[in-house]
PDB file of all heavy atoms in Angstrom:
ATOM      1  N   ASN A   1    -235.493  13.781-136.049  1.00  0.00           N
ATOM      2  CA  ASN A   1    -234.324  14.636-136.208  1.00  0.00           C
ATOM      3  C   ASN A   1    -233.222  13.885-136.995  1.00  0.00           C
ATOM      4  O   ASN A   1    -232.048  14.159-136.796  1.00  0.00           O
ATOM      5  CB  ASN A   1    -233.824  15.127-134.836  1.00  0.00           C
ATOM      6  CG  ASN A   1    -233.324  14.061-133.927  1.00  0.00           C
ATOM      7  OD1 ASN A   1    -232.828  13.019-134.345  1.00  0.00           O
ATOM      8  ND2 ASN A   1    -233.478  14.297-132.598  1.00  0.00           N
ATOM      9  N   HIS A   2    -233.678  13.032-137.865  1.00  0.00           N
ATOM     10  CA  HIS A   2    -232.811  12.311-138.783  1.00  0.00           C
ATOM     11  C   HIS A   2    -231.816  11.394-138.055  1.00  0.00           C
ATOM     12  O   HIS A   2    -230.676  11.222-138.424  1.00  0.00           O
ATOM     13  CB  HIS A   2    -231.997  13.312-139.660  1.00  0.00           C
ATOM     14  CG  HIS A   2    -231.729  12.814-141.015  1.00  0.00           C
ATOM     15  ND1 HIS A   2    -232.467  13.173-142.126  1.00  0.00           N
ATOM     16  CD2 HIS A   2    -230.733  11.978-141.521  1.00  0.00           C
ATOM     17  CE1 HIS A   2    -231.992  12.588-143.216  1.00  0.00           C
ATOM     18  NE2 HIS A   2    -230.941  11.841-142.861  1.00  0.00           N
ATOM     19  N   GLY A   3    -232.346  10.786-136.972  1.00  0.00           N
ATOM     20  CA  GLY A   3    -231.477   9.883-136.208  1.00  0.00           C
ATOM     21  C   GLY A   3    -230.306  10.599-135.565  1.00  0.00           C
ATOM     22  O   GLY A   3    -229.277   9.974-135.290  1.00  0.00           O
ATOM     23  N   GLY A   4    -230.486  11.906-135.305  1.00  0.00           N
ATOM     24  CA  GLY A   4    -229.381  12.664-134.715  1.00  0.00           C
ATOM     25  C   GLY A   4    -228.265  12.983-135.659  1.00  0.00           C
ATOM     26  O   GLY A   4    -227.199  13.471-135.258  1.00  0.00           O
ATOM     27  N   ARG A   5    -228.471  12.792-136.953  1.00  0.00           N
ATOM     28  CA  ARG A   5    -227.414  12.922-137.948  1.00  0.00           C
ATOM     29  C   ARG A   5    -227.335  14.310-138.609  1.00  0.00           C
ATOM     30  O   ARG A   5    -226.434  14.510-139.484  1.00  0.00           O
ATOM     31  CB  ARG A   5    -227.573  11.828-139.024  1.00  0.00           C
ATOM     32  CG  ARG A   5    -227.428  10.439-138.435  1.00  0.00           C
ATOM     33  CD  ARG A   5    -227.996   9.389-139.372  1.00  0.00           C
ATOM     34  NE  ARG A   5    -227.171   9.124-140.521  1.00  0.00           N
ATOM     35  CZ  ARG A   5    -226.086   8.317-140.518  1.00  0.00           C
ATOM     36  NH1 ARG A   5    -225.742   7.718-139.412  1.00  0.00           N
ATOM     37  NH2 ARG A   5    -225.383   8.115-141.605  1.00  0.00           N
ATOM     38  N   GLN A   6    -228.187  15.229-138.268  1.00  0.00           N
ATOM     39  CA  GLN A   6    -228.173  16.553-138.857  1.00  0.00           C
ATOM     40  C   GLN A   6    -227.771  17.603-137.808  1.00  0.00           C
ATOM     41  O   GLN A   6    -226.590  17.879-137.629  1.00  0.00           O
ATOM     42  CB  GLN A   6    -229.535  16.828-139.485  1.00  0.00           C
ATOM     43  CG  GLN A   6    -229.774  16.098-140.776  1.00  0.00           C
ATOM     44  CD  GLN A   6    -228.759  16.480-141.843  1.00  0.00           C
ATOM     45  OE1 GLN A   6    -227.850  15.701-142.156  1.00  0.00           O
ATOM     46  NE2 GLN A   6    -228.858  17.679-142.362  1.00  0.00           N
ATOM     47  N   LEU A   7    -228.745  18.189-137.146  1.00  0.00           N
ATOM     48  CA  LEU A   7    -228.481  19.199-136.152  1.00  0.00           C
ATOM     49  C   LEU A   7    -228.298  18.562-134.799  1.00  0.00           C
ATOM     50  O   LEU A   7    -229.210  17.945-134.258  1.00  0.00           O
ATOM     51  CB  LEU A   7    -229.647  20.223-136.132  1.00  0.00           C
ATOM     52  CG  LEU A   7    -229.559  21.282-135.033  1.00  0.00           C
ATOM     53  CD1 LEU A   7    -228.382  22.247-135.312  1.00  0.00           C
ATOM     54  CD2 LEU A   7    -230.859  22.064-134.944  1.00  0.00           C
ATOM     55  N   ASP A   8    -227.097  18.716-134.230  1.00  0.00           N
ATOM     56  CA  ASP A   8    -226.927  18.156-132.858  1.00  0.00           C
ATOM     57  C   ASP A   8    -227.677  19.074-131.892  1.00  0.00           C
ATOM     58  O   ASP A   8    -227.787  20.274-132.105  1.00  0.00           O
ATOM     59  CB  ASP A   8    -225.429  18.104-132.525  1.00  0.00           C
ATOM     60  CG  ASP A   8    -225.150  16.985-131.486  1.00  0.00           C
ATOM     61  OD1 ASP A   8    -226.015  16.232-131.200  1.00  0.00           O
ATOM     62  OD2 ASP A   8    -223.983  16.905-131.030  1.00  0.00           O
ATOM     63  N   ARG A   9    -228.117  18.459-130.806  1.00  0.00           N
ATOM     64  CA  ARG A   9    -228.977  19.138-129.809  1.00  0.00           C
ATOM     65  C   ARG A   9    -230.345  19.523-130.396  1.00  0.00           C
ATOM     66  O   ARG A   9    -230.991  20.490-129.980  1.00  0.00           O
ATOM     67  CB  ARG A   9    -228.305  20.350-129.209  1.00  0.00           C
ATOM     68  CG  ARG A   9    -227.001  20.055-128.472  1.00  0.00           C
ATOM     69  CD  ARG A   9    -226.354  21.334-127.984  1.00  0.00           C
ATOM     70  NE  ARG A   9    -225.157  21.105-127.174  1.00  0.00           N
ATOM     71  CZ  ARG A   9    -223.944  20.884-127.739  1.00  0.00           C
ATOM     72  NH1 ARG A   9    -223.789  20.889-129.046  1.00  0.00           N
ATOM     73  NH2 ARG A   9    -222.909  20.692-126.982  1.00  0.00           N
ATOM     74  N   ALA A  10    -230.777  18.778-131.372  1.00  0.00           N
ATOM     75  CA  ALA A  10    -232.121  19.000-131.956  1.00  0.00           C
ATOM     76  C   ALA A  10    -233.202  18.514-131.024  1.00  0.00           C
ATOM     77  O   ALA A  10    -232.957  17.802-130.057  1.00  0.00           O
ATOM     78  CB  ALA A  10    -232.226  18.209-133.328  1.00  0.00           C
ATOM     79  N   PRO A  11    -234.445  18.945-131.248  1.00  0.00           N
ATOM     80  CA  PRO A  11    -235.560  18.487-130.420  1.00  0.00           C
ATOM     81  C   PRO A  11    -235.673  16.964-130.406  1.00  0.00           C
ATOM     82  O   PRO A  11    -235.344  16.278-131.400  1.00  0.00           O
ATOM     83  CB  PRO A  11    -236.813  19.133-131.063  1.00  0.00           C
ATOM     84  CG  PRO A  11    -236.290  20.330-131.765  1.00  0.00           C
ATOM     85  CD  PRO A  11    -234.895  19.907-132.263  1.00  0.00           C
ATOM     86  N   ILE A  12    -236.169  16.429-129.336  1.00  0.00           N
ATOM     87  CA  ILE A  12    -236.344  15.001-129.190  1.00  0.00           C
ATOM     88  C   ILE A  12    -237.721  14.621-129.737  1.00  0.00           C
ATOM     89  O   ILE A  12    -238.743  15.034-129.151  1.00  0.00           O
ATOM     90  CB  ILE A  12    -236.199  14.554-127.680  1.00  0.00           C
ATOM     91  CG1 ILE A  12    -234.811  14.954-127.180  1.00  0.00           C
ATOM     92  CG2 ILE A  12    -236.495  13.087-127.506  1.00  0.00           C
ATOM     93  CD1 ILE A  12    -234.709  14.858-125.636  1.00  0.00           C
ATOM     94  N   PRO A  13    -237.817  13.876-130.800  1.00  0.00           N
ATOM     95  CA  PRO A  13    -239.117  13.559-131.377  1.00  0.00           C
ATOM     96  C   PRO A  13    -240.129  12.948-130.401  1.00  0.00           C
ATOM     97  O   PRO A  13    -241.295  13.317-130.438  1.00  0.00           O
ATOM     98  CB  PRO A  13    -238.751  12.567-132.496  1.00  0.00           C
ATOM     99  CG  PRO A  13    -237.360  12.933-132.881  1.00  0.00           C
ATOM    100  CD  PRO A  13    -236.723  13.337-131.601  1.00  0.00           C
ATOM    101  N   PHE A  14    -239.681  12.015-129.552  1.00  0.00           N
ATOM    102  CA  PHE A  14    -240.610  11.388-128.643  1.00  0.00           C
ATOM    103  C   PHE A  14    -241.179  12.377-127.656  1.00  0.00           C
ATOM    104  O   PHE A  14    -242.343  12.222-127.202  1.00  0.00           O
ATOM    105  CB  PHE A  14    -239.876  10.278-127.903  1.00  0.00           C
ATOM    106  CG  PHE A  14    -240.704   9.458-126.983  1.00  0.00           C
ATOM    107  CD1 PHE A  14    -241.801   8.700-127.513  1.00  0.00           C
ATOM    108  CD2 PHE A  14    -240.488   9.364-125.606  1.00  0.00           C
ATOM    109  CE1 PHE A  14    -242.634   7.944-126.669  1.00  0.00           C
ATOM    110  CE2 PHE A  14    -241.296   8.589-124.771  1.00  0.00           C
ATOM    111  CZ  PHE A  14    -242.332   7.890-125.304  1.00  0.00           C
ATOM    112  N   HIS A  15    -240.406  13.425-127.272  1.00  0.00           N
ATOM    113  CA  HIS A  15    -240.949  14.461-126.374  1.00  0.00           C
ATOM    114  C   HIS A  15    -241.972  15.375-127.100  1.00  0.00           C
ATOM    115  O   HIS A  15    -242.903  15.839-126.499  1.00  0.00           O
ATOM    116  CB  HIS A  15    -239.802  15.328-125.850  1.00  0.00           C
ATOM    117  CG  HIS A  15    -239.010  14.670-124.744  1.00  0.00           C
ATOM    118  ND1 HIS A  15    -237.919  15.233-124.212  1.00  0.00           N
ATOM    119  CD2 HIS A  15    -239.172  13.452-124.130  1.00  0.00           C
ATOM    120  CE1 HIS A  15    -237.401  14.432-123.243  1.00  0.00           C
ATOM    121  NE2 HIS A  15    -238.175  13.318-123.200  1.00  0.00           N
ATOM    122  N   LEU A  16    -241.783  15.572-128.399  1.00  0.00           N
ATOM    123  CA  LEU A  16    -242.716  16.423-129.181  1.00  0.00           C
ATOM    124  C   LEU A  16    -244.029  15.681-129.387  1.00  0.00           C
ATOM    125  O   LEU A  16    -245.068  16.336-129.643  1.00  0.00           O
ATOM    126  CB  LEU A  16    -242.086  16.714-130.555  1.00  0.00           C
ATOM    127  CG  LEU A  16    -240.957  17.730-130.610  1.00  0.00           C
ATOM    128  CD1 LEU A  16    -240.397  17.795-132.001  1.00  0.00           C
ATOM    129  CD2 LEU A  16    -241.427  19.121-130.194  1.00  0.00           C
ATOM    130  N   LEU A  17    -244.025  14.394-129.386  1.00  0.00           N
ATOM    131  CA  LEU A  17    -245.169  13.550-129.842  1.00  0.00           C
ATOM    132  C   LEU A  17    -246.477  13.934-129.207  1.00  0.00           C
ATOM    133  O   LEU A  17    -247.433  14.182-129.929  1.00  0.00           O
ATOM    134  CB  LEU A  17    -244.810  12.092-129.683  1.00  0.00           C
ATOM    135  CG  LEU A  17    -245.909  11.087-130.086  1.00  0.00           C
ATOM    136  CD1 LEU A  17    -246.156  11.179-131.577  1.00  0.00           C
ATOM    137  CD2 LEU A  17    -245.412   9.653-129.743  1.00  0.00           C
ATOM    138  N   PRO A  18    -246.620  13.952-127.875  1.00  0.00           N
ATOM    139  CA  PRO A  18    -247.932  14.237-127.294  1.00  0.00           C
ATOM    140  C   PRO A  18    -248.558  15.562-127.741  1.00  0.00           C
ATOM    141  O   PRO A  18    -249.739  15.629-128.066  1.00  0.00           O
ATOM    142  CB  PRO A  18    -247.689  14.227-125.791  1.00  0.00           C
ATOM    143  CG  PRO A  18    -246.447  13.400-125.652  1.00  0.00           C
ATOM    144  CD  PRO A  18    -245.625  13.714-126.844  1.00  0.00           C
ATOM    145  N   GLN A  19    -247.731  16.627-127.783  1.00  0.00           N
ATOM    146  CA  GLN A  19    -248.262  17.897-128.123  1.00  0.00           C
ATOM    147  C   GLN A  19    -248.668  17.971-129.595  1.00  0.00           C
ATOM    148  O   GLN A  19    -249.768  18.459-129.951  1.00  0.00           O
ATOM    149  CB  GLN A  19    -247.162  18.998-127.904  1.00  0.00           C
ATOM    150  CG  GLN A  19    -247.600  20.409-128.277  1.00  0.00           C
ATOM    151  CD  GLN A  19    -246.474  21.398-128.232  1.00  0.00           C
ATOM    152  OE1 GLN A  19    -245.318  21.030-128.364  1.00  0.00           O
ATOM    153  NE2 GLN A  19    -246.816  22.639-127.956  1.00  0.00           N
ATOM    154  N   VAL A  20    -247.852  17.358-130.491  1.00  0.00           N
ATOM    155  CA  VAL A  20    -248.159  17.414-131.899  1.00  0.00           C
ATOM    156  C   VAL A  20    -249.418  16.569-132.191  1.00  0.00           C
ATOM    157  O   VAL A  20    -250.318  16.993-132.942  1.00  0.00           O
ATOM    158  CB  VAL A  20    -247.006  16.887-132.750  1.00  0.00           C
ATOM    159  CG1 VAL A  20    -247.413  16.691-134.215  1.00  0.00           C
ATOM    160  CG2 VAL A  20    -245.809  17.847-132.620  1.00  0.00           C
ATOM    161  N   VAL A  21    -249.563  15.416-131.552  1.00  0.00           N
ATOM    162  CA  VAL A  21    -250.759  14.578-131.734  1.00  0.00           C
ATOM    163  C   VAL A  21    -251.972  15.295-131.238  1.00  0.00           C
ATOM    164  O   VAL A  21    -253.055  15.314-131.884  1.00  0.00           O
ATOM    165  CB  VAL A  21    -250.615  13.250-131.020  1.00  0.00           C
ATOM    166  CG1 VAL A  21    -251.913  12.468-130.968  1.00  0.00           C
ATOM    167  CG2 VAL A  21    -249.531  12.359-131.688  1.00  0.00           C
ATOM    168  N   ARG A  22    -251.874  15.976-130.136  1.00  0.00           N
ATOM    169  CA  ARG A  22    -253.006  16.698-129.533  1.00  0.00           C
ATOM    170  C   ARG A  22    -253.485  17.834-130.490  1.00  0.00           C
ATOM    171  O   ARG A  22    -254.652  18.035-130.661  1.00  0.00           O
ATOM    172  CB  ARG A  22    -252.608  17.311-128.203  1.00  0.00           C
ATOM    173  CG  ARG A  22    -253.737  17.975-127.414  1.00  0.00           C
ATOM    174  CD  ARG A  22    -253.360  18.263-125.984  1.00  0.00           C
ATOM    175  NE  ARG A  22    -252.213  19.094-125.881  1.00  0.00           N
ATOM    176  CZ  ARG A  22    -251.019  18.675-125.426  1.00  0.00           C
ATOM    177  NH1 ARG A  22    -250.829  17.403-125.033  1.00  0.00           N
ATOM    178  NH2 ARG A  22    -250.019  19.504-125.303  1.00  0.00           N
ATOM    179  N   GLU A  23    -252.555  18.460-131.152  1.00  0.00           N
ATOM    180  CA  GLU A  23    -252.912  19.610-132.013  1.00  0.00           C
ATOM    181  C   GLU A  23    -253.307  19.249-133.417  1.00  0.00           C
ATOM    182  O   GLU A  23    -254.165  19.898-134.020  1.00  0.00           O
ATOM    183  CB  GLU A  23    -251.715  20.606-132.049  1.00  0.00           C
ATOM    184  CG  GLU A  23    -251.349  21.241-130.694  1.00  0.00           C
ATOM    185  CD  GLU A  23    -252.456  22.215-130.237  1.00  0.00           C
ATOM    186  OE1 GLU A  23    -253.126  22.802-131.105  1.00  0.00           O
ATOM    187  OE2 GLU A  23    -252.586  22.376-129.005  1.00  0.00           O
ATOM    188  N   VAL A  24    -252.647  18.240-134.001  1.00  0.00           N
ATOM    189  CA  VAL A  24    -252.900  17.953-135.429  1.00  0.00           C
ATOM    190  C   VAL A  24    -253.251  16.492-135.710  1.00  0.00           C
ATOM    191  O   VAL A  24    -253.532  16.134-136.829  1.00  0.00           O
ATOM    192  CB  VAL A  24    -251.675  18.365-136.290  1.00  0.00           C
ATOM    193  CG1 VAL A  24    -251.278  19.788-136.076  1.00  0.00           C
ATOM    194  CG2 VAL A  24    -250.490  17.419-136.082  1.00  0.00           C
ATOM    195  N   GLY A  25    -253.267  15.656-134.664  1.00  0.00           N
ATOM    196  CA  GLY A  25    -253.483  14.244-134.901  1.00  0.00           C
ATOM    197  C   GLY A  25    -254.846  13.865-135.458  1.00  0.00           C
ATOM    198  O   GLY A  25    -254.971  12.831-136.069  1.00  0.00           O
TER     199      GLY A  25
END
């Protein structure tokens, strides 16, 4: 999320990681 420098309250990349890896890894 660009180090939090763009959209505040953006998704947390580390929380997205397991699902994204499972689907497209």
